[in-house]
């Protein structure tokens, strides 16, 4: 079974706001799964979303 992360866990891990997660969901970039009243994000969807951003920097 795949890991489901709570929204607050995602925010803490990646130092992003809740609104960033919900905006990404609204744009269809990730899917938020509702389990009762709880909102969760699949770890694989989160990984794919984060990998879609260009990497900046490098020496």
PDB file of N, CA and C in Angstrom:
ATOM      1  N   UNK A   1       0.843  -1.184   0.000  1.00  0.00           N
ATOM      2  CA  UNK A   1       0.000   0.000   0.000  1.00  0.00           C
ATOM      3  C   UNK A   1       0.891   1.251   0.000  1.00  0.00           C
ATOM      4  N   UNK A   2       0.503   2.201  -0.761  1.00  0.00           N
ATOM      5  CA  UNK A   2       1.279   3.437  -0.891  1.00  0.00           C
ATOM      6  C   UNK A   2       1.043   4.382   0.292  1.00  0.00           C
ATOM      7  N   UNK A   3       2.073   5.136   0.635  1.00  0.00           N
ATOM      8  CA  UNK A   3       1.958   6.094   1.727  1.00  0.00           C
ATOM      9  C   UNK A   3       1.070   7.269   1.336  1.00  0.00           C
ATOM     10  N   UNK A   4       0.218   7.652   2.255  1.00  0.00           N
ATOM     11  CA  UNK A   4      -0.596   8.845   2.119  1.00  0.00           C
ATOM     12  C   UNK A   4      -0.123   9.830   3.174  1.00  0.00           C
ATOM     13  N   UNK A   5       0.211  11.035   2.751  1.00  0.00           N
ATOM     14  CA  UNK A   5       0.718  12.047   3.669  1.00  0.00           C
ATOM     15  C   UNK A   5      -0.361  13.067   3.990  1.00  0.00           C
ATOM     16  N   UNK A   6      -0.385  13.487   5.239  1.00  0.00           N
ATOM     17  CA  UNK A   6      -1.292  14.555   5.639  1.00  0.00           C
ATOM     18  C   UNK A   6      -0.790  15.864   5.049  1.00  0.00           C
ATOM     19  N   UNK A   7      -1.696  16.786   4.817  1.00  0.00           N
ATOM     20  CA  UNK A   7      -1.335  18.078   4.244  1.00  0.00           C
ATOM     21  C   UNK A   7      -0.310  18.788   5.137  1.00  0.00           C
ATOM     22  N   UNK A   8      -0.516  18.746   6.439  1.00  0.00           N
ATOM     23  CA  UNK A   8       0.429  19.427   7.333  1.00  0.00           C
ATOM     24  C   UNK A   8       1.809  18.766   7.307  1.00  0.00           C
ATOM     25  N   UNK A   9       1.870  17.456   7.070  1.00  0.00           N
ATOM     26  CA  UNK A   9       3.163  16.778   6.925  1.00  0.00           C
ATOM     27  C   UNK A   9       3.892  17.283   5.688  1.00  0.00           C
ATOM     28  N   UNK A  10       3.172  17.402   4.591  1.00  0.00           N
ATOM     29  CA  UNK A  10       3.759  17.884   3.341  1.00  0.00           C
ATOM     30  C   UNK A  10       4.289  19.305   3.526  1.00  0.00           C
ATOM     31  N   UNK A  11       3.501  20.133   4.179  1.00  0.00           N
ATOM     32  CA  UNK A  11       3.905  21.522   4.417  1.00  0.00           C
ATOM     33  C   UNK A  11       5.176  21.587   5.256  1.00  0.00           C
ATOM     34  N   UNK A  12       5.249  20.779   6.286  1.00  0.00           N
ATOM     35  CA  UNK A  12       6.433  20.777   7.151  1.00  0.00           C
ATOM     36  C   UNK A  12       7.659  20.232   6.439  1.00  0.00           C
ATOM     37  N   UNK A  13       7.488  19.149   5.703  1.00  0.00           N
ATOM     38  CA  UNK A  13       8.622  18.530   5.013  1.00  0.00           C
ATOM     39  C   UNK A  13       9.258  19.437   3.968  1.00  0.00           C
ATOM     40  N   UNK A  14       8.424  20.158   3.225  1.00  0.00           N
ATOM     41  CA  UNK A  14       8.916  20.931   2.092  1.00  0.00           C
ATOM     42  C   UNK A  14       8.850  22.439   2.294  1.00  0.00           C
ATOM     43  N   UNK A  15       8.471  22.846   3.504  1.00  0.00           N
ATOM     44  CA  UNK A  15       8.418  24.269   3.836  1.00  0.00           C
ATOM     45  C   UNK A  15       7.568  25.050   2.825  1.00  0.00           C
ATOM     46  N   UNK A  16       6.369  24.526   2.578  1.00  0.00           N
ATOM     47  CA  UNK A  16       5.416  25.197   1.696  1.00  0.00           C
ATOM     48  C   UNK A  16       4.109  25.379   2.457  1.00  0.00           C
ATOM     49  N   UNK A  17       3.289  26.283   1.972  1.00  0.00           N
ATOM     50  CA  UNK A  17       2.037  26.573   2.663  1.00  0.00           C
ATOM     51  C   UNK A  17       0.930  25.622   2.211  1.00  0.00           C
ATOM     52  N   UNK A  18      -0.094  25.554   3.035  1.00  0.00           N
ATOM     53  CA  UNK A  18      -1.268  24.750   2.686  1.00  0.00           C
ATOM     54  C   UNK A  18      -1.894  25.248   1.388  1.00  0.00           C
ATOM     55  N   UNK A  19      -1.905  26.560   1.213  1.00  0.00           N
ATOM     56  CA  UNK A  19      -2.516  27.114   0.008  1.00  0.00           C
ATOM     57  C   UNK A  19      -1.754  26.683  -1.248  1.00  0.00           C
ATOM     58  N   UNK A  20      -0.449  26.482  -1.138  1.00  0.00           N
ATOM     59  CA  UNK A  20       0.336  26.003  -2.287  1.00  0.00           C
ATOM     60  C   UNK A  20      -0.137  24.612  -2.694  1.00  0.00           C
ATOM     61  N   UNK A  21      -0.370  23.756  -1.723  1.00  0.00           N
ATOM     62  CA  UNK A  21      -0.858  22.396  -2.000  1.00  0.00           C
ATOM     63  C   UNK A  21      -2.239  22.452  -2.647  1.00  0.00           C
ATOM     64  N   UNK A  22      -3.121  23.265  -2.092  1.00  0.00           N
ATOM     65  CA  UNK A  22      -4.474  23.332  -2.626  1.00  0.00           C
ATOM     66  C   UNK A  22      -4.514  23.995  -4.011  1.00  0.00           C
ATOM     67  N   UNK A  23      -3.630  24.964  -4.267  1.00  0.00           N
ATOM     68  CA  UNK A  23      -3.549  25.555  -5.618  1.00  0.00           C
ATOM     69  C   UNK A  23      -3.073  24.517  -6.633  1.00  0.00           C
ATOM     70  N   UNK A  24      -2.082  23.714  -6.253  1.00  0.00           N
ATOM     71  CA  UNK A  24      -1.584  22.656  -7.139  1.00  0.00           C
ATOM     72  C   UNK A  24      -2.697  21.652  -7.446  1.00  0.00           C
ATOM     73  N   UNK A  25      -3.494  21.348  -6.459  1.00  0.00           N
ATOM     74  CA  UNK A  25      -4.616  20.420  -6.658  1.00  0.00           C
ATOM     75  C   UNK A  25      -5.653  21.041  -7.587  1.00  0.00           C
ATOM     76  N   UNK A  26      -5.931  22.313  -7.403  1.00  0.00           N
ATOM     77  CA  UNK A  26      -6.917  22.997  -8.249  1.00  0.00           C
ATOM     78  C   UNK A  26      -6.467  23.029  -9.706  1.00  0.00           C
ATOM     79  N   UNK A  27      -5.147  23.156  -9.924  1.00  0.00           N
ATOM     80  CA  UNK A  27      -4.583  23.157 -11.288  1.00  0.00           C
ATOM     81  C   UNK A  27      -4.468  21.746 -11.859  1.00  0.00           C
ATOM     82  N   UNK A  28      -4.762  20.735 -11.052  1.00  0.00           N
ATOM     83  CA  UNK A  28      -4.695  19.353 -11.515  1.00  0.00           C
ATOM     84  C   UNK A  28      -3.299  18.754 -11.471  1.00  0.00           C
ATOM     85  N   UNK A  29      -2.389  19.399 -10.761  1.00  0.00           N
ATOM     86  CA  UNK A  29      -1.012  18.918 -10.690  1.00  0.00           C
ATOM     87  C   UNK A  29      -0.856  17.781  -9.683  1.00  0.00           C
ATOM     88  N   UNK A  30      -1.648  17.783  -8.650  1.00  0.00           N
ATOM     89  CA  UNK A  30      -1.699  16.693  -7.683  1.00  0.00           C
ATOM     90  C   UNK A  30      -3.165  16.450  -7.340  1.00  0.00           C
ATOM     91  N   UNK A  31      -3.429  15.301  -6.767  1.00  0.00           N
ATOM     92  CA  UNK A  31      -4.786  14.978  -6.360  1.00  0.00           C
ATOM     93  C   UNK A  31      -4.815  14.842  -4.844  1.00  0.00           C
ATOM     94  N   UNK A  32      -5.770  15.492  -4.240  1.00  0.00           N
ATOM     95  CA  UNK A  32      -5.978  15.374  -2.799  1.00  0.00           C
ATOM     96  C   UNK A  32      -7.084  14.348  -2.580  1.00  0.00           C
ATOM     97  N   UNK A  33      -6.779  13.354  -1.772  1.00  0.00           N
ATOM     98  CA  UNK A  33      -7.722  12.283  -1.469  1.00  0.00           C
ATOM     99  C   UNK A  33      -8.380  12.576  -0.125  1.00  0.00           C
ATOM    100  N   UNK A  34      -9.683  12.496  -0.102  1.00  0.00           N
ATOM    101  CA  UNK A  34     -10.424  12.713   1.138  1.00  0.00           C
ATOM    102  C   UNK A  34     -10.739  11.360   1.766  1.00  0.00           C
ATOM    103  N   UNK A  35     -10.409  11.232   3.041  1.00  0.00           N
ATOM    104  CA  UNK A  35     -10.752  10.052   3.818  1.00  0.00           C
ATOM    105  C   UNK A  35     -11.544  10.580   5.013  1.00  0.00           C
ATOM    106  N   UNK A  36     -12.837  10.493   4.896  1.00  0.00           N
ATOM    107  CA  UNK A  36     -13.687  11.158   5.879  1.00  0.00           C
ATOM    108  C   UNK A  36     -13.484  12.656   5.732  1.00  0.00           C
ATOM    109  N   UNK A  37     -13.105  13.308   6.811  1.00  0.00           N
ATOM    110  CA  UNK A  37     -12.826  14.746   6.759  1.00  0.00           C
ATOM    111  C   UNK A  37     -11.349  15.032   6.519  1.00  0.00           C
ATOM    112  N   UNK A  38     -10.522  13.999   6.546  1.00  0.00           N
ATOM    113  CA  UNK A  38      -9.072  14.173   6.410  1.00  0.00           C
ATOM    114  C   UNK A  38      -8.666  14.261   4.944  1.00  0.00           C
ATOM    115  N   UNK A  39      -7.699  15.108   4.659  1.00  0.00           N
ATOM    116  CA  UNK A  39      -7.144  15.256   3.311  1.00  0.00           C
ATOM    117  C   UNK A  39      -5.755  14.643   3.289  1.00  0.00           C
ATOM    118  N   UNK A  40      -5.481  13.872   2.245  1.00  0.00           N
ATOM    119  CA  UNK A  40      -4.199  13.198   2.100  1.00  0.00           C
ATOM    120  C   UNK A  40      -3.688  13.337   0.669  1.00  0.00           C
ATOM    121  N   UNK A  41      -2.367  13.246   0.518  1.00  0.00           N
ATOM    122  CA  UNK A  41      -1.725  13.278  -0.805  1.00  0.00           C
ATOM    123  C   UNK A  41      -0.879  12.022  -0.919  1.00  0.00           C
ATOM    124  N   UNK A  42      -0.991  11.332  -2.040  1.00  0.00           N
ATOM    125  CA  UNK A  42      -0.153  10.150  -2.260  1.00  0.00           C
ATOM    126  C   UNK A  42       1.296  10.580  -2.417  1.00  0.00           C
ATOM    127  N   UNK A  43       2.169   9.813  -1.812  1.00  0.00           N
ATOM    128  CA  UNK A  43       3.595  10.127  -1.870  1.00  0.00           C
ATOM    129  C   UNK A  43       4.103  10.154  -3.317  1.00  0.00           C
ATOM    130  N   UNK A  44       3.647   9.244  -4.158  1.00  0.00           N
ATOM    131  CA  UNK A  44       4.099   9.199  -5.550  1.00  0.00           C
ATOM    132  C   UNK A  44       3.641  10.433  -6.333  1.00  0.00           C
ATOM    133  N   UNK A  45       2.431  10.903  -6.087  1.00  0.00           N
ATOM    134  CA  UNK A  45       1.940  12.104  -6.761  1.00  0.00           C
ATOM    135  C   UNK A  45       2.737  13.323  -6.318  1.00  0.00           C
ATOM    136  N   UNK A  46       3.046  13.374  -5.040  1.00  0.00           N
ATOM    137  CA  UNK A  46       3.830  14.477  -4.511  1.00  0.00           C
ATOM    138  C   UNK A  46       5.238  14.470  -5.110  1.00  0.00           C
ATOM    139  N   UNK A  47       5.843  13.294  -5.194  1.00  0.00           N
ATOM    140  CA  UNK A  47       7.180  13.163  -5.773  1.00  0.00           C
ATOM    141  C   UNK A  47       7.181  13.605  -7.239  1.00  0.00           C
ATOM    142  N   UNK A  48       6.199  13.160  -8.000  1.00  0.00           N
ATOM    143  CA  UNK A  48       6.099  13.564  -9.415  1.00  0.00           C
ATOM    144  C   UNK A  48       5.923  15.069  -9.550  1.00  0.00           C
ATOM    145  N   UNK A  49       5.101  15.651  -8.689  1.00  0.00           N
ATOM    146  CA  UNK A  49       4.864  17.095  -8.732  1.00  0.00           C
ATOM    147  C   UNK A  49       6.146  17.853  -8.416  1.00  0.00           C
ATOM    148  N   UNK A  50       6.850  17.433  -7.376  1.00  0.00           N
ATOM    149  CA  UNK A  50       8.088  18.111  -7.001  1.00  0.00           C
ATOM    150  C   UNK A  50       9.165  17.948  -8.074  1.00  0.00           C
ATOM    151  N   UNK A  51       9.214  16.793  -8.721  1.00  0.00           N
ATOM    152  CA  UNK A  51      10.194  16.563  -9.782  1.00  0.00           C
ATOM    153  C   UNK A  51       9.888  17.345 -11.055  1.00  0.00           C
ATOM    154  N   UNK A  52       8.687  17.876 -11.156  1.00  0.00           N
ATOM    155  CA  UNK A  52       8.325  18.643 -12.357  1.00  0.00           C
ATOM    156  C   UNK A  52       8.925  20.048 -12.353  1.00  0.00           C
ATOM    157  N   UNK A  53       9.417  20.490 -11.210  1.00  0.00           N
ATOM    158  CA  UNK A  53      10.006  21.817 -11.113  1.00  0.00           C
ATOM    159  C   UNK A  53      11.453  21.783 -11.613  1.00  0.00           C
ATOM    160  N   UNK A  54      11.873  22.812 -12.343  1.00  0.00           N
ATOM    161  CA  UNK A  54      13.259  22.842 -12.806  1.00  0.00           C
ATOM    162  C   UNK A  54      14.217  23.046 -11.628  1.00  0.00           C
ATOM    163  N   UNK A  55      15.372  22.438 -11.731  1.00  0.00           N
ATOM    164  CA  UNK A  55      16.401  22.594 -10.705  1.00  0.00           C
ATOM    165  C   UNK A  55      17.246  23.794 -11.074  1.00  0.00           C
ATOM    166  N   UNK A  56      17.382  24.701 -10.129  1.00  0.00           N
ATOM    167  CA  UNK A  56      18.125  25.929 -10.368  1.00  0.00           C
ATOM    168  C   UNK A  56      19.463  25.849  -9.662  1.00  0.00           C
ATOM    169  N   UNK A  57      20.433  26.489 -10.205  1.00  0.00           N
ATOM    170  CA  UNK A  57      21.729  26.544  -9.537  1.00  0.00           C
ATOM    171  C   UNK A  57      22.724  25.640 -10.201  1.00  0.00           C
ATOM    172  N   UNK A  58      23.623  25.141  -9.421  1.00  0.00           N
ATOM    173  CA  UNK A  58      24.704  24.321  -9.967  1.00  0.00           C
ATOM    174  C   UNK A  58      25.894  25.191 -10.229  1.00  0.00           C
ATOM    175  N   UNK A  59      27.047  24.680  -9.951  1.00  0.00           N
ATOM    176  CA  UNK A  59      28.271  25.488 -10.123  1.00  0.00           C
ATOM    177  C   UNK A  59      28.914  25.231 -11.432  1.00  0.00           C
TER     178      UNK A  59
END
